[in-house]
Amino acid sequence: MAKTAEKSAVREFRAEARFQRTSPQKAKLVLDTIKGLSVENALTTLMFTRKRIAPVVEKALRSAIQNANYLSQEQGFDLDVDRLVVKQAVANEGPRMKRIRPAPMGRAFRYQRRLAHIIVTVAEKKTVETGSKAAAADTKAAGKPAKKAAAKKAPAKKAAAKKAKATA
């Protein structure tokens, strides 16, 4: 069935930082801290993150924000930069550089230096409904106080047996 209701297309804006000299595993540690945060909170988090890749991620995030601002002006739609959130932040594997390390007895060991492609996607957060549904949920939650069930204890069998012996 085709939906005829209004489309609320959420616009996404992205920026990439490709061929970064860090492993994707290390980059994901930083990216996981900013996923789902507002853009302002994500920038603050990155500013105080003590990882070598954090400034690169911050630069990619700022680029995504500028992409959103530029496209909103070019295409003529209204965009509130303060409502942007980090929708997606991923670190994909790039090419690997093969290197050789000297080993004992004239041998050589191979190792790989990994590269990462960092992709940051931002989108505008949907507005919170202030309609009757939200008001009904608030009144329903406020009308019922939270009740705790009384904890029932199992009868103490050993203590009852001791009392019976003591009285007998």
N, C-alpha and C. Protein backbone atom coordinates (compact mmCIF):
# COMPACT_ATOMS: atom_id res chain seq x y z
N MET A 1 0.84 -1.18 0.00
CA MET A 1 0.00 0.00 0.00
C MET A 1 0.88 1.24 0.00
N ALA A 2 0.51 2.21 -0.77
CA ALA A 2 1.25 3.46 -0.82
C ALA A 2 0.70 4.41 0.24
N LYS A 3 1.58 5.05 0.93
CA LYS A 3 1.14 6.00 1.96
C LYS A 3 0.90 7.36 1.31
N THR A 4 -0.25 7.92 1.58
CA THR A 4 -0.56 9.23 1.02
C THR A 4 -0.40 10.33 2.06
N ALA A 5 0.02 9.96 3.25
CA ALA A 5 0.23 10.96 4.29
C ALA A 5 1.44 11.81 3.93
N GLU A 6 1.59 12.92 4.62
CA GLU A 6 2.68 13.84 4.31
C GLU A 6 4.03 13.18 4.61
N LYS A 7 4.98 13.48 3.78
CA LYS A 7 6.33 12.96 3.97
C LYS A 7 7.11 13.95 4.82
N SER A 8 7.68 13.47 5.88
CA SER A 8 8.56 14.31 6.69
C SER A 8 9.98 13.84 6.43
N ALA A 9 10.52 14.28 5.31
CA ALA A 9 11.86 13.85 4.91
C ALA A 9 12.89 14.48 5.84
N VAL A 10 13.63 13.63 6.52
CA VAL A 10 14.69 14.11 7.38
C VAL A 10 15.94 14.25 6.53
N ARG A 11 16.45 15.46 6.45
CA ARG A 11 17.63 15.73 5.64
C ARG A 11 18.87 15.32 6.42
N GLU A 12 19.76 14.63 5.75
CA GLU A 12 21.02 14.20 6.35
C GLU A 12 22.17 14.88 5.62
N PHE A 13 23.18 15.25 6.38
CA PHE A 13 24.36 15.90 5.81
C PHE A 13 25.58 15.16 6.34
N ARG A 14 26.54 14.92 5.46
CA ARG A 14 27.67 14.11 5.89
C ARG A 14 28.99 14.74 5.45
N ALA A 15 30.03 14.30 6.12
CA ALA A 15 31.38 14.71 5.78
C ALA A 15 32.29 13.50 5.98
N GLU A 16 33.31 13.42 5.18
CA GLU A 16 34.24 12.30 5.25
C GLU A 16 35.66 12.80 5.49
N ALA A 17 36.39 12.07 6.26
CA ALA A 17 37.83 12.29 6.42
C ALA A 17 38.47 10.96 6.01
N ARG A 18 39.02 10.93 4.81
CA ARG A 18 39.51 9.67 4.26
C ARG A 18 41.01 9.53 4.45
N PHE A 19 41.45 8.29 4.46
CA PHE A 19 42.87 7.91 4.55
C PHE A 19 43.54 8.48 5.80
N GLN A 20 42.87 8.35 6.94
CA GLN A 20 43.44 8.84 8.20
C GLN A 20 44.36 7.77 8.77
N ARG A 21 45.52 8.19 9.26
CA ARG A 21 46.57 7.28 9.71
C ARG A 21 46.30 6.79 11.13
N THR A 22 45.24 6.04 11.27
CA THR A 22 44.91 5.38 12.52
C THR A 22 44.09 4.14 12.20
N SER A 23 44.06 3.22 13.09
CA SER A 23 43.27 2.02 12.82
C SER A 23 41.79 2.35 13.05
N PRO A 24 40.90 1.70 12.31
CA PRO A 24 39.47 1.95 12.50
C PRO A 24 39.01 1.61 13.90
N GLN A 25 39.63 0.64 14.52
CA GLN A 25 39.25 0.25 15.88
C GLN A 25 39.48 1.40 16.85
N LYS A 26 40.60 2.10 16.71
CA LYS A 26 40.89 3.23 17.59
C LYS A 26 39.98 4.41 17.30
N ALA A 27 39.65 4.61 16.03
CA ALA A 27 38.77 5.71 15.66
C ALA A 27 37.35 5.47 16.18
N LYS A 28 36.92 4.21 16.19
CA LYS A 28 35.57 3.89 16.67
C LYS A 28 35.40 4.20 18.15
N LEU A 29 36.47 4.13 18.92
CA LEU A 29 36.39 4.48 20.34
C LEU A 29 35.93 5.92 20.52
N VAL A 30 36.43 6.82 19.68
CA VAL A 30 36.05 8.22 19.76
C VAL A 30 34.67 8.44 19.15
N LEU A 31 34.39 7.79 18.03
CA LEU A 31 33.12 7.99 17.35
C LEU A 31 31.94 7.49 18.16
N ASP A 32 32.14 6.43 18.94
CA ASP A 32 31.04 5.91 19.76
C ASP A 32 30.64 6.89 20.86
N THR A 33 31.55 7.77 21.26
CA THR A 33 31.21 8.72 22.33
C THR A 33 30.31 9.84 21.83
N ILE A 34 30.27 10.10 20.51
CA ILE A 34 29.48 11.23 20.02
C ILE A 34 28.20 10.81 19.31
N LYS A 35 28.00 9.52 19.08
CA LYS A 35 26.79 9.08 18.38
C LYS A 35 25.55 9.46 19.17
N GLY A 36 24.59 10.07 18.48
CA GLY A 36 23.31 10.41 19.10
C GLY A 36 23.31 11.71 19.88
N LEU A 37 24.46 12.33 20.06
CA LEU A 37 24.52 13.59 20.80
C LEU A 37 24.15 14.76 19.91
N SER A 38 23.73 15.86 20.54
CA SER A 38 23.53 17.07 19.77
C SER A 38 24.90 17.55 19.30
N VAL A 39 24.89 18.37 18.26
CA VAL A 39 26.15 18.81 17.66
C VAL A 39 26.98 19.59 18.67
N GLU A 40 26.33 20.43 19.45
CA GLU A 40 27.06 21.23 20.44
C GLU A 40 27.72 20.34 21.49
N ASN A 41 26.98 19.36 21.99
CA ASN A 41 27.54 18.44 22.99
C ASN A 41 28.64 17.58 22.39
N ALA A 42 28.48 17.18 21.14
CA ALA A 42 29.50 16.36 20.48
C ALA A 42 30.80 17.14 20.31
N LEU A 43 30.70 18.41 19.94
CA LEU A 43 31.92 19.23 19.79
C LEU A 43 32.62 19.41 21.13
N THR A 44 31.83 19.62 22.19
CA THR A 44 32.41 19.75 23.52
C THR A 44 33.09 18.46 23.95
N THR A 45 32.45 17.33 23.68
CA THR A 45 33.03 16.03 24.03
C THR A 45 34.33 15.81 23.29
N LEU A 46 34.36 16.14 22.01
CA LEU A 46 35.58 15.94 21.23
C LEU A 46 36.70 16.86 21.67
N MET A 47 36.33 18.05 22.14
CA MET A 47 37.35 19.00 22.57
C MET A 47 38.12 18.48 23.78
N PHE A 48 37.44 17.70 24.63
CA PHE A 48 38.07 17.21 25.85
C PHE A 48 38.46 15.74 25.78
N THR A 49 38.35 15.14 24.60
CA THR A 49 38.76 13.75 24.42
C THR A 49 40.26 13.70 24.17
N ARG A 50 40.95 12.85 24.92
CA ARG A 50 42.41 12.81 24.83
C ARG A 50 42.87 11.65 23.96
N LYS A 51 42.37 11.60 22.75
CA LYS A 51 42.82 10.62 21.77
C LYS A 51 43.39 11.38 20.57
N ARG A 52 44.33 10.78 19.89
CA ARG A 52 45.00 11.46 18.79
C ARG A 52 44.07 11.73 17.61
N ILE A 53 43.03 10.91 17.45
CA ILE A 53 42.13 11.05 16.31
C ILE A 53 41.01 12.05 16.59
N ALA A 54 40.85 12.50 17.82
CA ALA A 54 39.74 13.40 18.18
C ALA A 54 39.73 14.70 17.38
N PRO A 55 40.86 15.39 17.14
CA PRO A 55 40.80 16.60 16.31
C PRO A 55 40.35 16.34 14.87
N VAL A 56 40.69 15.17 14.34
CA VAL A 56 40.27 14.82 12.98
C VAL A 56 38.76 14.62 12.94
N VAL A 57 38.22 13.94 13.95
CA VAL A 57 36.78 13.73 14.03
C VAL A 57 36.05 15.06 14.22
N GLU A 58 36.65 15.94 15.03
CA GLU A 58 36.05 17.26 15.25
C GLU A 58 36.01 18.04 13.93
N LYS A 59 37.06 17.96 13.15
CA LYS A 59 37.11 18.65 11.87
C LYS A 59 36.04 18.11 10.91
N ALA A 60 35.86 16.79 10.91
CA ALA A 60 34.84 16.19 10.06
C ALA A 60 33.44 16.59 10.51
N LEU A 61 33.23 16.67 11.82
CA LEU A 61 31.93 17.09 12.35
C LEU A 61 31.64 18.54 11.99
N ARG A 62 32.63 19.41 12.14
CA ARG A 62 32.45 20.82 11.75
C ARG A 62 32.17 20.94 10.26
N SER A 63 32.79 20.11 9.44
CA SER A 63 32.55 20.11 8.01
C SER A 63 31.12 19.69 7.70
N ALA A 64 30.61 18.69 8.40
CA ALA A 64 29.23 18.24 8.20
C ALA A 64 28.24 19.35 8.57
N ILE A 65 28.55 20.09 9.64
CA ILE A 65 27.68 21.20 10.05
C ILE A 65 27.69 22.28 8.98
N GLN A 66 28.87 22.59 8.45
CA GLN A 66 28.96 23.60 7.40
C GLN A 66 28.28 23.14 6.12
N ASN A 67 28.36 21.84 5.81
CA ASN A 67 27.65 21.31 4.66
C ASN A 67 26.14 21.49 4.82
N ALA A 68 25.64 21.25 6.04
CA ALA A 68 24.22 21.43 6.30
C ALA A 68 23.82 22.89 6.14
N ASN A 69 24.63 23.78 6.68
CA ASN A 69 24.34 25.21 6.59
C ASN A 69 24.37 25.68 5.14
N TYR A 70 25.36 25.27 4.39
CA TYR A 70 25.51 25.68 2.99
C TYR A 70 24.35 25.17 2.13
N LEU A 71 24.02 23.90 2.27
CA LEU A 71 22.95 23.32 1.46
C LEU A 71 21.59 23.92 1.80
N SER A 72 21.37 24.26 3.07
CA SER A 72 20.10 24.87 3.44
C SER A 72 19.96 26.25 2.80
N GLN A 73 21.06 26.99 2.69
CA GLN A 73 21.01 28.29 2.03
C GLN A 73 20.89 28.14 0.52
N GLU A 74 21.57 27.17 -0.06
CA GLU A 74 21.54 26.98 -1.50
C GLU A 74 20.17 26.51 -1.99
N GLN A 75 19.59 25.56 -1.27
CA GLN A 75 18.34 24.96 -1.71
C GLN A 75 17.12 25.67 -1.13
N GLY A 76 17.35 26.62 -0.23
CA GLY A 76 16.28 27.46 0.27
C GLY A 76 15.32 26.81 1.25
N PHE A 77 15.77 25.86 2.05
CA PHE A 77 14.89 25.33 3.09
C PHE A 77 15.39 25.78 4.45
N ASP A 78 14.48 25.77 5.40
CA ASP A 78 14.80 26.29 6.73
C ASP A 78 15.48 25.19 7.55
N LEU A 79 16.64 25.50 8.08
CA LEU A 79 17.39 24.55 8.89
C LEU A 79 17.87 25.25 10.14
N ASP A 80 17.58 24.64 11.27
CA ASP A 80 18.07 25.17 12.54
C ASP A 80 19.30 24.37 12.93
N VAL A 81 20.46 25.02 12.89
CA VAL A 81 21.72 24.34 13.16
C VAL A 81 21.79 23.87 14.62
N ASP A 82 21.07 24.56 15.51
CA ASP A 82 21.09 24.18 16.92
C ASP A 82 20.38 22.86 17.17
N ARG A 83 19.53 22.43 16.24
CA ARG A 83 18.80 21.17 16.43
C ARG A 83 19.44 20.01 15.71
N LEU A 84 20.62 20.17 15.18
CA LEU A 84 21.31 19.07 14.50
C LEU A 84 21.86 18.08 15.53
N VAL A 85 21.76 16.81 15.21
CA VAL A 85 22.31 15.75 16.06
C VAL A 85 23.19 14.86 15.20
N VAL A 86 24.13 14.18 15.84
CA VAL A 86 25.00 13.24 15.14
C VAL A 86 24.21 11.95 14.95
N LYS A 87 23.80 11.72 13.71
CA LYS A 87 22.97 10.54 13.44
C LYS A 87 23.83 9.29 13.28
N GLN A 88 24.96 9.45 12.61
CA GLN A 88 25.80 8.29 12.33
C GLN A 88 27.26 8.73 12.36
N ALA A 89 28.10 7.93 12.92
CA ALA A 89 29.54 8.19 12.93
C ALA A 89 30.24 6.84 12.83
N VAL A 90 30.88 6.61 11.68
CA VAL A 90 31.51 5.31 11.45
C VAL A 90 32.95 5.49 10.99
N ALA A 91 33.73 4.47 11.24
CA ALA A 91 35.11 4.42 10.76
C ALA A 91 35.25 3.13 9.95
N ASN A 92 35.38 3.29 8.66
CA ASN A 92 35.56 2.15 7.77
C ASN A 92 37.04 1.93 7.51
N GLU A 93 37.37 0.71 7.07
CA GLU A 93 38.77 0.41 6.77
C GLU A 93 39.18 0.99 5.45
N GLY A 94 40.35 1.57 5.43
CA GLY A 94 40.94 2.03 4.18
C GLY A 94 41.97 1.02 3.72
N PRO A 95 42.79 1.40 2.78
CA PRO A 95 43.85 0.48 2.34
C PRO A 95 44.89 0.29 3.45
N ARG A 96 45.59 -0.81 3.36
CA ARG A 96 46.63 -1.10 4.35
C ARG A 96 48.00 -0.90 3.72
N MET A 97 48.89 -0.33 4.51
CA MET A 97 50.28 -0.18 4.03
C MET A 97 51.08 -1.35 4.58
N LYS A 98 51.68 -2.11 3.68
CA LYS A 98 52.48 -3.26 4.10
C LYS A 98 53.90 -2.79 4.38
N ARG A 99 54.40 -3.15 5.54
CA ARG A 99 55.74 -2.75 5.95
C ARG A 99 56.50 -3.97 6.42
N ILE A 100 57.83 -3.82 6.48
CA ILE A 100 58.69 -4.92 6.91
C ILE A 100 59.52 -4.46 8.10
N ARG A 101 59.58 -5.30 9.12
CA ARG A 101 60.36 -5.02 10.32
C ARG A 101 61.52 -6.01 10.39
N PRO A 102 62.71 -5.54 10.64
CA PRO A 102 63.85 -6.47 10.76
C PRO A 102 63.64 -7.45 11.91
N ALA A 103 64.06 -8.66 11.69
CA ALA A 103 63.92 -9.71 12.70
C ALA A 103 65.28 -10.36 12.91
N PRO A 104 65.42 -11.15 13.94
CA PRO A 104 66.71 -11.79 14.22
C PRO A 104 67.16 -12.73 13.11
N MET A 105 68.45 -12.92 13.02
CA MET A 105 69.10 -13.86 12.11
C MET A 105 68.82 -13.53 10.65
N GLY A 106 68.75 -12.22 10.33
CA GLY A 106 68.62 -11.81 8.94
C GLY A 106 67.24 -11.97 8.34
N ARG A 107 66.29 -12.34 9.15
CA ARG A 107 64.93 -12.49 8.64
C ARG A 107 64.18 -11.17 8.68
N ALA A 108 62.95 -11.16 8.16
CA ALA A 108 62.11 -9.96 8.18
C ALA A 108 60.68 -10.36 8.50
N PHE A 109 60.04 -9.58 9.35
CA PHE A 109 58.63 -9.80 9.68
C PHE A 109 57.79 -8.73 8.99
N ARG A 110 56.67 -9.15 8.46
CA ARG A 110 55.77 -8.20 7.81
C ARG A 110 54.72 -7.73 8.81
N TYR A 111 54.34 -6.46 8.69
CA TYR A 111 53.22 -5.94 9.47
C TYR A 111 52.46 -4.95 8.61
N GLN A 112 51.27 -4.61 9.06
CA GLN A 112 50.40 -3.74 8.26
C GLN A 112 50.03 -2.49 9.06
N ARG A 113 50.15 -1.35 8.42
CA ARG A 113 49.69 -0.10 9.02
C ARG A 113 48.31 0.18 8.45
N ARG A 114 47.35 0.30 9.35
CA ARG A 114 45.97 0.45 8.90
C ARG A 114 45.60 1.91 8.71
N LEU A 115 44.70 2.16 7.76
CA LEU A 115 44.15 3.48 7.51
C LEU A 115 42.64 3.42 7.69
N ALA A 116 42.04 4.55 8.04
CA ALA A 116 40.60 4.59 8.30
C ALA A 116 39.94 5.68 7.47
N HIS A 117 38.72 5.41 7.04
CA HIS A 117 37.86 6.41 6.44
C HIS A 117 36.79 6.75 7.47
N ILE A 118 36.76 8.00 7.93
CA ILE A 118 35.82 8.42 8.96
C ILE A 118 34.67 9.16 8.30
N ILE A 119 33.45 8.73 8.59
CA ILE A 119 32.25 9.34 8.02
C ILE A 119 31.35 9.81 9.16
N VAL A 120 31.02 11.09 9.16
CA VAL A 120 30.14 11.66 10.18
C VAL A 120 28.88 12.18 9.47
N THR A 121 27.71 11.75 9.94
CA THR A 121 26.44 12.17 9.37
C THR A 121 25.63 12.88 10.43
N VAL A 122 25.13 14.08 10.10
CA VAL A 122 24.27 14.83 11.01
C VAL A 122 22.90 14.98 10.38
N ALA A 123 21.88 15.08 11.22
CA ALA A 123 20.51 15.26 10.76
C ALA A 123 19.79 16.16 11.76
N GLU A 124 18.72 16.78 11.30
CA GLU A 124 17.96 17.66 12.18
C GLU A 124 17.05 16.81 13.05
N LYS A 125 17.04 17.11 14.35
CA LYS A 125 16.22 16.37 15.29
C LYS A 125 14.76 16.72 15.06
N LYS A 126 13.89 15.73 15.11
CA LYS A 126 12.47 15.98 14.92
C LYS A 126 11.92 16.76 16.10
N THR A 127 10.91 17.57 15.82
CA THR A 127 10.30 18.37 16.89
C THR A 127 9.45 17.48 17.77
N VAL A 128 9.36 17.84 19.03
CA VAL A 128 8.57 17.09 19.99
C VAL A 128 7.12 17.51 19.85
N GLU A 129 6.23 16.53 19.77
CA GLU A 129 4.82 16.86 19.63
C GLU A 129 4.30 17.44 20.93
N THR A 130 3.55 18.55 20.81
CA THR A 130 2.92 19.16 21.99
C THR A 130 1.42 18.98 21.90
N GLY A 131 0.98 18.02 21.15
CA GLY A 131 -0.45 17.78 20.92
C GLY A 131 -1.09 17.06 22.08
N SER A 132 -2.27 16.52 21.81
CA SER A 132 -3.06 15.88 22.86
C SER A 132 -2.46 14.54 23.28
N LYS A 133 -1.70 13.87 22.42
CA LYS A 133 -1.11 12.59 22.78
C LYS A 133 -0.10 12.74 23.91
N ALA A 134 0.74 13.77 23.80
CA ALA A 134 1.74 13.98 24.84
C ALA A 134 1.07 14.39 26.15
N ALA A 135 0.04 15.22 26.07
CA ALA A 135 -0.66 15.66 27.27
C ALA A 135 -1.39 14.49 27.92
N ALA A 136 -1.97 13.60 27.11
CA ALA A 136 -2.68 12.44 27.65
C ALA A 136 -1.71 11.50 28.35
N ALA A 137 -0.54 11.33 27.80
CA ALA A 137 0.47 10.45 28.42
C ALA A 137 0.93 11.02 29.76
N ASP A 138 1.08 12.35 29.84
CA ASP A 138 1.49 12.98 31.09
C ASP A 138 0.44 12.82 32.17
N THR A 139 -0.82 13.02 31.82
CA THR A 139 -1.88 12.91 32.82
C THR A 139 -2.06 11.48 33.27
N LYS A 140 -1.90 10.52 32.35
CA LYS A 140 -2.03 9.11 32.72
C LYS A 140 -0.93 8.71 33.69
N ALA A 141 0.29 9.16 33.43
CA ALA A 141 1.42 8.83 34.29
C ALA A 141 1.30 9.51 35.64
N ALA A 142 0.77 10.75 35.66
CA ALA A 142 0.66 11.49 36.91
C ALA A 142 -0.50 10.97 37.75
N GLY A 143 -1.52 10.38 37.14
CA GLY A 143 -2.70 9.92 37.87
C GLY A 143 -2.45 8.66 38.69
N LYS A 144 -1.52 7.84 38.30
CA LYS A 144 -1.27 6.58 39.00
C LYS A 144 0.04 6.66 39.77
N PRO A 145 -0.04 6.65 41.10
CA PRO A 145 1.20 6.64 41.87
C PRO A 145 1.84 5.26 41.79
N ALA A 146 3.12 5.24 41.87
CA ALA A 146 3.86 3.98 41.80
C ALA A 146 3.69 3.23 43.12
N LYS A 147 3.26 1.97 43.01
CA LYS A 147 3.06 1.15 44.20
C LYS A 147 4.11 0.06 44.22
N LYS A 148 4.64 -0.18 45.39
CA LYS A 148 5.59 -1.26 45.54
C LYS A 148 4.88 -2.43 46.21
N ALA A 149 5.12 -3.59 45.69
CA ALA A 149 4.54 -4.78 46.28
C ALA A 149 5.32 -5.13 47.55
N ALA A 150 4.57 -5.50 48.58
CA ALA A 150 5.22 -5.85 49.84
C ALA A 150 5.98 -7.16 49.66
N ALA A 151 7.17 -7.18 50.16
CA ALA A 151 8.00 -8.37 50.03
C ALA A 151 7.53 -9.41 51.04
N LYS A 152 7.22 -10.60 50.53
CA LYS A 152 6.76 -11.68 51.41
C LYS A 152 7.94 -12.59 51.72
N LYS A 153 8.10 -12.88 52.97
CA LYS A 153 9.20 -13.74 53.37
C LYS A 153 8.71 -15.16 53.54
N ALA A 154 9.56 -16.07 53.20
CA ALA A 154 9.24 -17.48 53.41
C ALA A 154 9.34 -17.77 54.91
N PRO A 155 8.49 -18.65 55.42
CA PRO A 155 8.56 -18.95 56.86
C PRO A 155 9.91 -19.60 57.21
N ALA A 156 10.41 -19.20 58.34
CA ALA A 156 11.70 -19.73 58.79
C ALA A 156 11.46 -21.10 59.40
N LYS A 157 11.82 -22.14 58.69
CA LYS A 157 11.56 -23.50 59.13
C LYS A 157 12.47 -23.92 60.26
N LYS A 158 13.73 -23.55 60.18
CA LYS A 158 14.68 -23.97 61.20
C LYS A 158 14.37 -23.30 62.52
N ALA A 159 14.02 -22.02 62.49
CA ALA A 159 13.73 -21.33 63.73
C ALA A 159 12.47 -21.89 64.38
N ALA A 160 11.47 -22.23 63.59
CA ALA A 160 10.25 -22.81 64.15
C ALA A 160 10.54 -24.18 64.75
N ALA A 161 11.39 -24.95 64.13
CA ALA A 161 11.74 -26.28 64.66
C ALA A 161 12.50 -26.15 65.97
N LYS A 162 13.38 -25.15 66.11
CA LYS A 162 14.14 -24.95 67.33
C LYS A 162 13.21 -24.54 68.47
N LYS A 163 12.23 -23.68 68.15
CA LYS A 163 11.28 -23.23 69.19
C LYS A 163 10.42 -24.41 69.66
N ALA A 164 10.05 -25.26 68.74
CA ALA A 164 9.22 -26.42 69.12
C ALA A 164 10.00 -27.36 70.02
N LYS A 165 11.29 -27.55 69.75
CA LYS A 165 12.12 -28.41 70.60
C LYS A 165 12.34 -27.78 71.96
N ALA A 166 12.50 -26.45 71.99
CA ALA A 166 12.77 -25.75 73.23
C ALA A 166 11.53 -25.80 74.15
N THR A 167 10.35 -25.72 73.61
CA THR A 167 9.14 -25.73 74.42
C THR A 167 8.75 -27.13 74.83
N ALA A 168 9.20 -28.14 74.12
CA ALA A 168 8.82 -29.52 74.41
C ALA A 168 9.63 -30.12 75.52
